[in-house]
Amino acid sequence: MDAKTKLLLEGSIGWTLFRLSMPNIAVMAAQACVGLIETYFIAWLGTDALAGIAIVFPVFMLFQMISAGAMGGGILSAVARALGAGRKDEANLLVWHAVALALGLGILTTLIMLPAGPSLYGLMGGREASLAAAIVYANLVFGGAILLWLFNSLAAVIRGTGNMLLPAIVVMGGVVVLIPLSPLLIFGLGPLPRLGIIGGATAVLIYYAVGSAIFAGYIWSGRGILHPRLKIPALSLAKLGDILRVGAPASLVATTTNVTIATATAFVGTYGPQAVAGYGTGARLEYLLVPLVFGLGAPLAAMVGTAVGAGEFRRAAKAAWTGAFMAGILTEFIGIAAALWPRAWLDLYGTDPVMMDFGIRYLQIVGPFFGFFGFGLALYFAAQGTGRMLWPLGAGIARLAVAAGGGFLATRLAMGTTGVYVALAVGMILFWGINAFAVFSGAWLRHVPMRRASEAPVILAVAE
């Protein structure tokens, strides 16, 4: 058995998760900084430009979360389970299936978003100059969507083998390059023209293109655990189904998260572009939680998937609880800090008093509940490792229903954005509760094939 697979099966759960997640959390934080760096410089172009990317951001993050955490989670889970069961040839074949899905879904993203985008951004509160900025930015970003999908799919393949370090190095290096590249393309310097908001999108696409090339070079060089052939094999519906069995419902969960924020953006948008900019800037911190938890969730899904593949169901449950508590503590710390010192975050993107008021109110009301979201999100990633996603999907739908329904009532009853924000907080609590109940009751493993009858799901504490 490979040393990385052996570590996932036999290493200390808490220490192994910590060890594997540290570079991964760093990489996810850095990847989130890609958008934050871009937003920081685009904010210098004015409130309309900031509002424009605030409108596009939930939609872009939807595809980022689907490609990295949802379909990426399906790829990671399939590779981890194959390696855990000792089926290395199958894992090698899964690499090409992951590439095929990335190419197909990247093209589909472009075909959907280019014609449908303008109407969607208008519904989300885009008006005149802010809508024009949103359309210009989105057309370039989604025109190159195939690069985003390929980058995250290849990274998921590598993480599925237990290698969290290489993706960390690539992303961290990319962020270092983006820090000077983004403002150079936005504002221009010397022979470089001033591209404005288009420059930010161009810098991001360059980042994904170079990163994808590095990942592909590593995988097909044979330096890792996997050794896929250079010749494209015949694609198998069974192998695609193994990825989609996790990736499809996980994509729906990711969709509910982004639709929740997009819906709230639409409700807040009735109060004008400054309100959209304020809420959107505050909500970016909530979005930052997703890649941070994914930094822990990727090794957690790999550990759970490997344990399930080997029939070690007791270990899978213990890993889920351990990872969830780690994620909950991390995200709650961020939420409390944001609620106590909201200006420390919001001042990075503007000083308009109306914008600041909407952003501060969001962080003070919703921030204290970030820990519930992080805890539930970690259990969602753990469920990816089992290949069963029904409970996380139900939790995501419930959160969306509460947030959307509560936001609608808040606007009808003239409760202002405060009512919308309270509904968002309640939705986070419900998302946590449903996912926690699924693991606590053993329901998340109920339909996973058991290797031995004695390994039926059990209720476990974090430490035995």
Protein backbone atom coordinates (compact mmCIF):
# COMPACT_ATOMS: atom_id res chain seq x y z
CA MET A 1 0.00 0.00 0.00
CA ASP A 2 1.25 3.49 -0.84
CA ALA A 3 2.54 5.50 2.14
CA LYS A 4 -0.03 8.31 1.69
CA THR A 5 -2.92 5.83 1.53
CA LYS A 6 -1.55 4.04 4.60
CA LEU A 7 -1.40 7.37 6.46
CA LEU A 8 -5.05 8.09 5.67
CA LEU A 9 -6.04 4.65 6.97
CA GLU A 10 -3.81 4.29 10.01
CA GLY A 11 -2.51 7.71 11.06
CA SER A 12 -3.81 9.61 14.08
CA ILE A 13 -7.06 11.22 12.87
CA GLY A 14 -6.67 14.62 14.49
CA TRP A 15 -2.97 15.03 13.76
CA THR A 16 -3.27 13.68 10.20
CA LEU A 17 -6.13 16.06 9.39
CA PHE A 18 -4.19 18.95 10.90
CA ARG A 19 -1.02 18.02 9.04
CA LEU A 20 -2.74 17.61 5.69
CA SER A 21 -5.09 20.56 6.08
CA MET A 22 -2.51 23.22 6.96
CA PRO A 23 -1.05 23.52 3.45
CA ASN A 24 -4.52 23.01 2.03
CA ILE A 25 -6.06 25.77 4.16
CA ALA A 26 -3.19 28.01 3.10
CA VAL A 27 -3.86 27.18 -0.54
CA MET A 28 -7.59 27.78 -0.24
CA ALA A 29 -7.05 31.05 1.58
CA ALA A 30 -4.63 32.05 -1.16
CA GLN A 31 -7.10 31.03 -3.85
CA ALA A 32 -9.77 33.11 -2.17
CA CYS A 33 -7.28 35.98 -2.17
CA VAL A 34 -7.29 35.80 -5.96
CA GLY A 35 -10.76 37.34 -5.92
CA LEU A 36 -10.01 39.61 -2.97
CA ILE A 37 -6.90 41.07 -4.60
CA GLU A 38 -8.83 41.73 -7.76
CA THR A 39 -11.70 43.33 -5.82
CA TYR A 40 -9.32 45.53 -3.87
CA PHE A 41 -7.88 47.10 -7.01
CA ILE A 42 -11.18 47.27 -8.90
CA ALA A 43 -12.65 49.19 -5.92
CA TRP A 44 -10.30 52.03 -6.96
CA LEU A 45 -12.34 52.33 -10.16
CA GLY A 46 -15.41 53.49 -8.18
CA THR A 47 -18.61 52.26 -6.53
CA ASP A 48 -20.25 51.20 -9.82
CA ALA A 49 -17.31 48.93 -10.70
CA LEU A 50 -17.32 47.49 -7.16
CA ALA A 51 -21.08 46.90 -7.32
CA GLY A 52 -20.68 45.28 -10.75
CA ILE A 53 -18.28 42.60 -9.57
CA ALA A 54 -20.29 42.19 -6.34
CA ILE A 55 -23.19 41.17 -8.57
CA VAL A 56 -21.11 38.74 -10.63
CA PHE A 57 -19.22 37.32 -7.67
CA PRO A 58 -21.96 34.98 -6.33
CA VAL A 59 -22.40 33.52 -9.81
CA PHE A 60 -18.66 33.11 -10.35
CA MET A 61 -18.28 31.56 -6.90
CA LEU A 62 -21.06 29.12 -7.79
CA PHE A 63 -18.94 27.66 -10.57
CA GLN A 64 -15.80 27.90 -8.46
CA MET A 65 -17.47 25.91 -5.67
CA ILE A 66 -19.02 23.39 -8.06
CA SER A 67 -15.78 22.78 -9.94
CA ALA A 68 -13.56 22.66 -6.84
CA GLY A 69 -15.69 21.45 -3.95
CA ALA A 70 -18.58 19.64 -5.65
CA MET A 71 -17.45 17.97 -8.88
CA GLY A 72 -13.93 18.26 -7.51
CA GLY A 73 -15.16 16.47 -4.41
CA GLY A 74 -16.66 13.74 -6.58
CA ILE A 75 -13.34 13.30 -8.37
CA LEU A 76 -11.39 13.30 -5.09
CA SER A 77 -13.81 10.82 -3.50
CA ALA A 78 -13.70 8.42 -6.46
CA VAL A 79 -9.88 8.46 -6.60
CA ALA A 80 -9.55 8.04 -2.81
CA ARG A 81 -12.03 5.15 -2.67
CA ALA A 82 -10.31 3.38 -5.58
CA LEU A 83 -6.89 3.72 -3.94
CA GLY A 84 -8.28 2.69 -0.54
CA ALA A 85 -9.64 -0.49 -2.10
CA GLY A 86 -6.33 -1.18 -3.87
CA ARG A 87 -7.70 -0.51 -7.39
CA LYS A 88 -4.88 1.65 -8.76
CA ASP A 89 -5.66 0.97 -12.42
CA GLU A 90 -9.17 2.26 -11.86
CA ALA A 91 -7.78 5.40 -10.22
CA ASN A 92 -5.59 6.00 -13.29
CA LEU A 93 -8.60 5.74 -15.57
CA LEU A 94 -10.49 8.22 -13.39
CA VAL A 95 -7.95 10.91 -14.31
CA TRP A 96 -9.08 10.98 -17.95
CA HIS A 97 -12.73 10.89 -16.90
CA ALA A 98 -12.09 13.92 -14.71
CA VAL A 99 -10.55 15.78 -17.66
CA ALA A 100 -13.49 14.89 -19.90
CA LEU A 101 -15.95 16.22 -17.33
CA ALA A 102 -13.93 19.41 -16.92
CA LEU A 103 -13.88 20.11 -20.66
CA GLY A 104 -17.57 19.35 -21.13
CA LEU A 105 -18.76 21.32 -18.12
CA GLY A 106 -16.46 24.24 -18.92
CA ILE A 107 -17.95 24.58 -22.40
CA LEU A 108 -21.47 24.22 -20.97
CA THR A 109 -20.79 27.01 -18.46
CA THR A 110 -19.77 29.37 -21.26
CA LEU A 111 -22.78 28.47 -23.42
CA ILE A 112 -25.17 29.14 -20.56
CA MET A 113 -23.68 32.24 -18.96
CA LEU A 114 -22.87 34.41 -21.97
CA PRO A 115 -26.46 34.72 -23.22
CA ALA A 116 -28.24 34.41 -19.85
CA GLY A 117 -25.89 36.56 -17.77
CA PRO A 118 -27.19 40.09 -18.48
CA SER A 119 -30.75 39.25 -17.47
CA LEU A 120 -29.55 37.50 -14.34
CA TYR A 121 -27.36 40.42 -13.27
CA GLY A 122 -30.30 42.77 -13.77
CA LEU A 123 -32.46 40.64 -11.49
CA MET A 124 -29.69 40.74 -8.87
CA GLY A 125 -29.80 44.53 -8.67
CA GLY A 126 -27.60 45.65 -11.57
CA ARG A 127 -28.54 49.11 -12.82
CA GLU A 128 -27.03 51.22 -15.60
CA ALA A 129 -23.28 51.65 -14.91
CA SER A 130 -23.07 48.81 -12.38
CA LEU A 131 -24.91 46.46 -14.77
CA ALA A 132 -22.61 47.45 -17.64
CA ALA A 133 -19.56 46.73 -15.47
CA ALA A 134 -20.99 43.36 -14.46
CA ILE A 135 -21.62 42.32 -18.07
CA VAL A 136 -18.16 43.32 -19.31
CA TYR A 137 -16.40 41.51 -16.48
CA ALA A 138 -18.58 38.37 -16.61
CA ASN A 139 -18.34 37.90 -20.37
CA LEU A 140 -14.57 37.51 -20.17
CA VAL A 141 -14.50 35.38 -17.00
CA PHE A 142 -17.18 32.96 -18.19
CA GLY A 143 -15.83 32.98 -21.72
CA GLY A 144 -12.76 31.26 -20.28
CA ALA A 145 -14.66 29.02 -17.86
CA ILE A 146 -12.99 25.90 -19.24
CA LEU A 147 -9.74 27.00 -17.55
CA LEU A 148 -11.44 27.22 -14.15
CA TRP A 149 -12.92 23.72 -14.52
CA LEU A 150 -9.69 22.14 -15.71
CA PHE A 151 -7.65 23.74 -12.92
CA ASN A 152 -9.94 22.53 -10.13
CA SER A 153 -10.51 19.06 -11.60
CA LEU A 154 -6.80 18.29 -11.95
CA ALA A 155 -6.15 19.65 -8.45
CA ALA A 156 -8.89 17.33 -7.14
CA VAL A 157 -7.21 14.32 -8.76
CA ILE A 158 -3.97 15.15 -6.98
CA ARG A 159 -5.69 15.75 -3.63
CA GLY A 160 -7.48 12.41 -3.96
CA THR A 161 -4.10 10.71 -3.68
CA GLY A 162 -3.43 12.48 -0.38
CA ASN A 163 -1.04 15.03 -1.92
CA MET A 164 -2.15 18.40 -0.57
CA LEU A 165 1.22 20.10 -0.94
CA LEU A 166 1.50 20.50 -4.71
CA PRO A 167 -1.85 22.32 -5.13
CA ALA A 168 -0.77 24.54 -2.22
CA ILE A 169 2.50 25.46 -3.90
CA VAL A 170 0.83 26.19 -7.25
CA VAL A 171 -1.90 28.38 -5.79
CA MET A 172 0.42 30.25 -3.42
CA GLY A 173 2.82 30.93 -6.28
CA GLY A 174 -0.06 32.11 -8.44
CA VAL A 175 -1.22 34.59 -5.82
CA VAL A 176 2.28 36.04 -5.53
CA VAL A 177 2.24 36.65 -9.29
CA LEU A 178 -1.29 38.10 -9.25
CA ILE A 179 -0.47 40.78 -6.68
CA PRO A 180 1.52 42.82 -9.25
CA LEU A 181 -0.16 41.45 -12.39
CA SER A 182 -3.74 42.44 -11.49
CA PRO A 183 -3.10 46.18 -10.95
CA LEU A 184 -0.77 46.29 -13.96
CA LEU A 185 -3.57 45.04 -16.22
CA ILE A 186 -6.29 47.11 -14.54
CA PHE A 187 -4.47 50.47 -14.51
CA GLY A 188 -1.78 49.93 -17.15
CA LEU A 189 1.91 50.75 -16.98
CA GLY A 190 4.34 51.62 -19.75
CA PRO A 191 3.45 49.52 -22.82
CA LEU A 192 0.60 47.80 -20.97
CA PRO A 193 -2.76 49.48 -21.73
CA ARG A 194 -5.26 50.47 -19.04
CA LEU A 195 -7.85 47.67 -19.29
CA GLY A 196 -9.98 48.64 -16.31
CA ILE A 197 -12.29 45.96 -14.99
CA ILE A 198 -11.33 43.68 -17.91
CA GLY A 199 -7.77 43.63 -16.62
CA GLY A 200 -8.83 41.94 -13.39
CA ALA A 201 -10.63 39.19 -15.29
CA THR A 202 -7.65 38.71 -17.63
CA ALA A 203 -5.26 38.25 -14.70
CA VAL A 204 -7.50 35.58 -13.16
CA LEU A 205 -7.72 33.62 -16.43
CA ILE A 206 -3.93 33.70 -16.82
CA TYR A 207 -3.65 32.28 -13.30
CA TYR A 208 -5.95 29.34 -14.07
CA ALA A 209 -4.26 28.59 -17.41
CA VAL A 210 -0.75 28.39 -15.96
CA GLY A 211 -1.91 26.39 -12.93
CA SER A 212 -3.71 23.84 -15.12
CA ALA A 213 -0.56 23.31 -17.18
CA ILE A 214 1.50 22.65 -14.03
CA PHE A 215 -1.00 20.15 -12.65
CA ALA A 216 -1.23 18.28 -15.96
CA GLY A 217 2.55 18.13 -16.25
CA TYR A 218 2.85 16.63 -12.77
CA ILE A 219 0.15 13.99 -13.26
CA TRP A 220 1.33 12.72 -16.65
CA SER A 221 5.02 12.85 -15.74
CA GLY A 222 4.49 9.86 -13.45
CA ARG A 223 6.07 11.54 -10.42
CA GLY A 224 3.01 10.97 -8.24
CA ILE A 225 1.02 7.93 -7.14
CA LEU A 226 -1.02 7.88 -10.34
CA HIS A 227 0.39 6.94 -13.75
CA PRO A 228 -2.32 7.54 -16.37
CA ARG A 229 -1.45 6.72 -19.96
CA LEU A 230 -0.84 9.48 -22.46
CA LYS A 231 -3.29 7.86 -24.86
CA ILE A 232 -6.90 8.77 -24.14
CA PRO A 233 -8.79 5.61 -23.11
CA ALA A 234 -12.38 4.76 -23.95
CA LEU A 235 -14.60 6.57 -21.48
CA SER A 236 -16.78 4.45 -19.22
CA LEU A 237 -20.26 5.49 -18.12
CA ALA A 238 -19.67 3.60 -14.90
CA LYS A 239 -16.57 5.66 -14.10
CA LEU A 240 -18.32 8.91 -14.98
CA GLY A 241 -21.22 7.78 -12.82
CA ASP A 242 -18.88 7.12 -9.91
CA ILE A 243 -17.80 10.77 -10.02
CA LEU A 244 -21.25 12.18 -10.73
CA ARG A 245 -22.85 10.14 -7.94
CA VAL A 246 -21.09 12.48 -5.54
CA GLY A 247 -20.46 15.48 -7.79
CA ALA A 248 -24.03 16.01 -9.03
CA PRO A 249 -25.78 16.26 -5.64
CA ALA A 250 -22.78 18.13 -4.23
CA SER A 251 -23.20 20.62 -7.07
CA LEU A 252 -26.79 21.14 -6.00
CA VAL A 253 -25.59 21.82 -2.45
CA ALA A 254 -23.09 24.36 -3.77
CA THR A 255 -25.86 25.87 -5.87
CA THR A 256 -28.08 26.35 -2.82
CA THR A 257 -25.25 28.18 -1.05
CA ASN A 258 -24.73 30.58 -3.93
CA VAL A 259 -28.41 31.01 -4.73
CA THR A 260 -28.93 31.89 -1.07
CA ILE A 261 -26.43 34.75 -1.34
CA ALA A 262 -27.62 35.74 -4.82
CA THR A 263 -31.21 35.89 -3.54
CA ALA A 264 -30.15 38.02 -0.59
CA THR A 265 -28.26 40.25 -3.04
CA ALA A 266 -31.50 40.73 -4.99
CA PHE A 267 -33.43 41.66 -1.83
CA VAL A 268 -30.71 44.08 -0.71
CA GLY A 269 -30.47 45.44 -4.25
CA THR A 270 -33.86 47.12 -3.87
CA TYR A 271 -32.05 49.68 -1.68
CA GLY A 272 -29.62 50.70 -4.44
CA PRO A 273 -26.05 50.05 -5.70
CA GLN A 274 -24.44 51.21 -2.44
CA ALA A 275 -26.46 48.62 -0.53
CA VAL A 276 -25.38 45.91 -2.99
CA ALA A 277 -21.76 46.97 -2.65
CA GLY A 278 -21.98 46.95 1.18
CA TYR A 279 -23.69 43.58 1.47
CA GLY A 280 -21.58 42.07 -1.31
CA THR A 281 -18.37 43.17 0.39
CA GLY A 282 -19.51 41.68 3.70
CA ALA A 283 -20.68 38.48 2.03
CA ARG A 284 -17.24 38.04 0.50
CA LEU A 285 -16.02 37.15 3.98
CA GLU A 286 -18.71 34.45 4.14
CA TYR A 287 -17.48 33.18 0.80
CA LEU A 288 -13.98 33.09 2.23
CA LEU A 289 -15.21 30.49 4.73
CA VAL A 290 -15.95 28.03 1.94
CA PRO A 291 -12.38 27.69 0.61
CA LEU A 292 -11.03 27.74 4.18
CA VAL A 293 -13.27 24.83 5.20
CA PHE A 294 -12.51 23.15 1.89
CA GLY A 295 -8.86 23.31 2.92
CA LEU A 296 -9.81 20.99 5.77
CA GLY A 297 -12.62 19.30 3.87
CA ALA A 298 -10.43 17.97 1.04
CA PRO A 299 -8.20 15.86 3.32
CA LEU A 300 -11.28 14.99 5.40
CA ALA A 301 -13.08 13.69 2.30
CA ALA A 302 -9.93 11.82 1.26
CA MET A 303 -9.63 10.23 4.73
CA VAL A 304 -13.31 9.29 4.89
CA GLY A 305 -13.28 8.00 1.30
CA THR A 306 -10.18 5.91 1.87
CA ALA A 307 -11.64 4.51 5.11
CA VAL A 308 -14.93 3.66 3.39
CA GLY A 309 -13.08 2.01 0.50
CA ALA A 310 -11.19 -0.13 3.03
CA GLY A 311 -14.35 -0.91 5.03
CA GLU A 312 -13.21 1.09 8.09
CA PHE A 313 -16.55 2.76 8.83
CA ARG A 314 -15.85 3.47 12.50
CA ARG A 315 -12.77 5.46 11.51
CA ALA A 316 -14.80 7.35 8.87
CA ALA A 317 -17.30 8.53 11.51
CA LYS A 318 -14.59 9.59 13.95
CA ALA A 319 -12.85 11.56 11.20
CA ALA A 320 -16.10 13.36 10.32
CA TRP A 321 -16.65 14.59 13.89
CA THR A 322 -13.03 15.60 14.35
CA GLY A 323 -12.94 17.61 11.12
CA ALA A 324 -16.29 19.25 11.83
CA PHE A 325 -15.21 20.55 15.23
CA MET A 326 -11.96 21.86 13.79
CA ALA A 327 -13.82 23.72 11.03
CA GLY A 328 -16.48 25.04 13.40
CA ILE A 329 -13.91 26.55 15.76
CA LEU A 330 -11.97 28.17 12.91
CA THR A 331 -15.00 29.76 11.22
CA GLU A 332 -16.59 30.89 14.49
CA PHE A 333 -13.41 32.71 15.41
CA ILE A 334 -13.55 34.54 12.05
CA GLY A 335 -17.24 35.36 12.50
CA ILE A 336 -16.86 36.75 16.02
CA ALA A 337 -13.88 38.85 14.96
CA ALA A 338 -15.86 40.23 11.99
CA ALA A 339 -18.82 41.10 14.20
CA LEU A 340 -16.63 42.91 16.73
CA TRP A 341 -14.42 44.73 14.21
CA PRO A 342 -16.40 44.92 10.93
CA ARG A 343 -14.56 48.00 9.67
CA ALA A 344 -11.27 46.12 9.64
CA TRP A 345 -12.69 44.14 6.70
CA LEU A 346 -14.94 46.68 5.02
CA ASP A 347 -12.36 49.49 4.99
CA LEU A 348 -10.34 47.43 2.51
CA TYR A 349 -12.96 48.04 -0.17
CA GLY A 350 -14.32 51.52 0.39
CA THR A 351 -15.34 54.24 2.82
CA ASP A 352 -18.74 55.28 1.48
CA PRO A 353 -20.88 55.69 4.65
CA VAL A 354 -24.03 54.15 3.18
CA MET A 355 -22.12 51.15 1.84
CA MET A 356 -20.37 50.75 5.19
CA ASP A 357 -23.68 50.80 7.08
CA PHE A 358 -25.12 47.88 5.08
CA GLY A 359 -21.89 45.90 5.38
CA ILE A 360 -21.48 46.47 9.13
CA ARG A 361 -25.06 45.41 9.84
CA TYR A 362 -24.54 42.17 7.88
CA LEU A 363 -21.33 41.20 9.70
CA GLN A 364 -22.76 42.04 13.13
CA ILE A 365 -25.92 39.97 12.61
CA VAL A 366 -24.66 37.02 10.55
CA GLY A 367 -21.00 36.85 11.62
CA PRO A 368 -21.64 35.18 15.02
CA PHE A 369 -23.26 32.25 13.19
CA PHE A 370 -20.36 31.53 10.82
CA GLY A 371 -19.30 28.64 13.08
CA PHE A 372 -22.57 26.78 12.43
CA PHE A 373 -22.00 27.11 8.70
CA GLY A 374 -18.38 25.91 8.95
CA PHE A 375 -19.32 22.89 11.11
CA GLY A 376 -22.06 21.81 8.70
CA LEU A 377 -19.88 22.43 5.67
CA ALA A 378 -17.15 20.12 7.02
CA LEU A 379 -19.74 17.35 7.45
CA TYR A 380 -20.82 17.97 3.86
CA PHE A 381 -17.25 17.30 2.70
CA ALA A 382 -17.07 14.21 4.92
CA ALA A 383 -20.24 12.91 3.26
CA GLN A 384 -18.54 13.28 -0.13
CA GLY A 385 -16.08 10.63 0.99
CA THR A 386 -18.91 8.15 1.55
CA GLY A 387 -20.35 8.70 -1.92
CA ARG A 388 -23.77 9.50 -0.38
CA MET A 389 -25.00 13.11 -0.53
CA LEU A 390 -28.74 13.02 0.26
CA TRP A 391 -28.51 14.57 3.74
CA PRO A 392 -26.19 17.46 2.78
CA LEU A 393 -28.46 18.19 -0.17
CA GLY A 394 -31.48 18.34 2.12
CA ALA A 395 -29.59 20.66 4.46
CA GLY A 396 -28.67 22.99 1.61
CA ILE A 397 -32.24 23.14 0.31
CA ALA A 398 -33.57 23.84 3.81
CA ARG A 399 -31.07 26.67 4.26
CA LEU A 400 -32.06 28.22 0.92
CA ALA A 401 -35.78 27.94 1.71
CA VAL A 402 -35.41 29.66 5.08
CA ALA A 403 -33.12 32.40 3.76
CA ALA A 404 -35.25 33.11 0.67
CA GLY A 405 -38.59 32.84 2.48
CA GLY A 406 -37.41 34.93 5.40
CA GLY A 407 -35.91 37.54 3.08
CA PHE A 408 -39.16 37.77 1.12
CA LEU A 409 -41.17 38.27 4.32
CA ALA A 410 -38.67 40.86 5.53
CA THR A 411 -39.12 42.96 2.40
CA ARG A 412 -42.92 42.58 2.43
CA LEU A 413 -43.14 43.55 6.11
CA ALA A 414 -40.76 46.50 5.65
CA MET A 415 -38.19 45.04 8.05
CA GLY A 416 -35.34 46.26 5.87
CA THR A 417 -32.07 44.44 5.41
CA THR A 418 -32.02 43.49 9.10
CA GLY A 419 -34.78 40.95 8.46
CA VAL A 420 -32.92 39.59 5.44
CA TYR A 421 -29.76 39.14 7.51
CA VAL A 422 -31.62 37.38 10.34
CA ALA A 423 -33.06 34.91 7.83
CA LEU A 424 -29.55 34.20 6.56
CA ALA A 425 -28.37 33.46 10.12
CA VAL A 426 -31.27 31.09 10.80
CA GLY A 427 -30.52 29.28 7.56
CA MET A 428 -26.94 28.63 8.74
CA ILE A 429 -28.20 27.10 11.98
CA LEU A 430 -30.53 24.78 10.05
CA PHE A 431 -27.72 23.75 7.67
CA TRP A 432 -25.61 22.76 10.69
CA GLY A 433 -28.44 20.93 12.46
CA ILE A 434 -29.45 18.67 9.57
CA ASN A 435 -25.89 17.64 8.69
CA ALA A 436 -25.02 17.00 12.35
CA PHE A 437 -28.15 14.88 12.84
CA ALA A 438 -27.26 12.76 9.81
CA VAL A 439 -23.85 11.86 11.22
CA PHE A 440 -25.03 11.56 14.83
CA SER A 441 -27.80 9.12 13.86
CA GLY A 442 -25.57 7.14 11.47
CA ALA A 443 -27.88 7.97 8.56
CA TRP A 444 -25.04 9.30 6.39
CA LEU A 445 -23.55 5.76 6.13
CA ARG A 446 -26.81 3.84 6.04
CA HIS A 447 -26.70 2.96 2.34
CA VAL A 448 -22.93 2.54 1.98
CA PRO A 449 -22.05 -1.11 1.23
CA MET A 450 -20.58 -2.72 4.35
CA ARG A 451 -17.59 -5.02 4.16
CA ARG A 452 -18.49 -6.68 7.49
CA ALA A 453 -21.73 -6.70 9.39
CA SER A 454 -19.89 -5.69 12.58
CA GLU A 455 -18.92 -2.38 10.94
CA ALA A 456 -22.43 -0.96 10.81
CA PRO A 457 -22.62 2.81 11.41
CA VAL A 458 -22.31 3.79 15.05
CA ILE A 459 -22.62 7.01 17.01
CA LEU A 460 -19.17 8.15 18.02
CA ALA A 461 -17.68 10.91 20.08
CA VAL A 462 -14.75 12.89 18.73
CA ALA A 463 -12.33 10.82 20.81
CA GLU A 464 -12.98 7.25 21.82
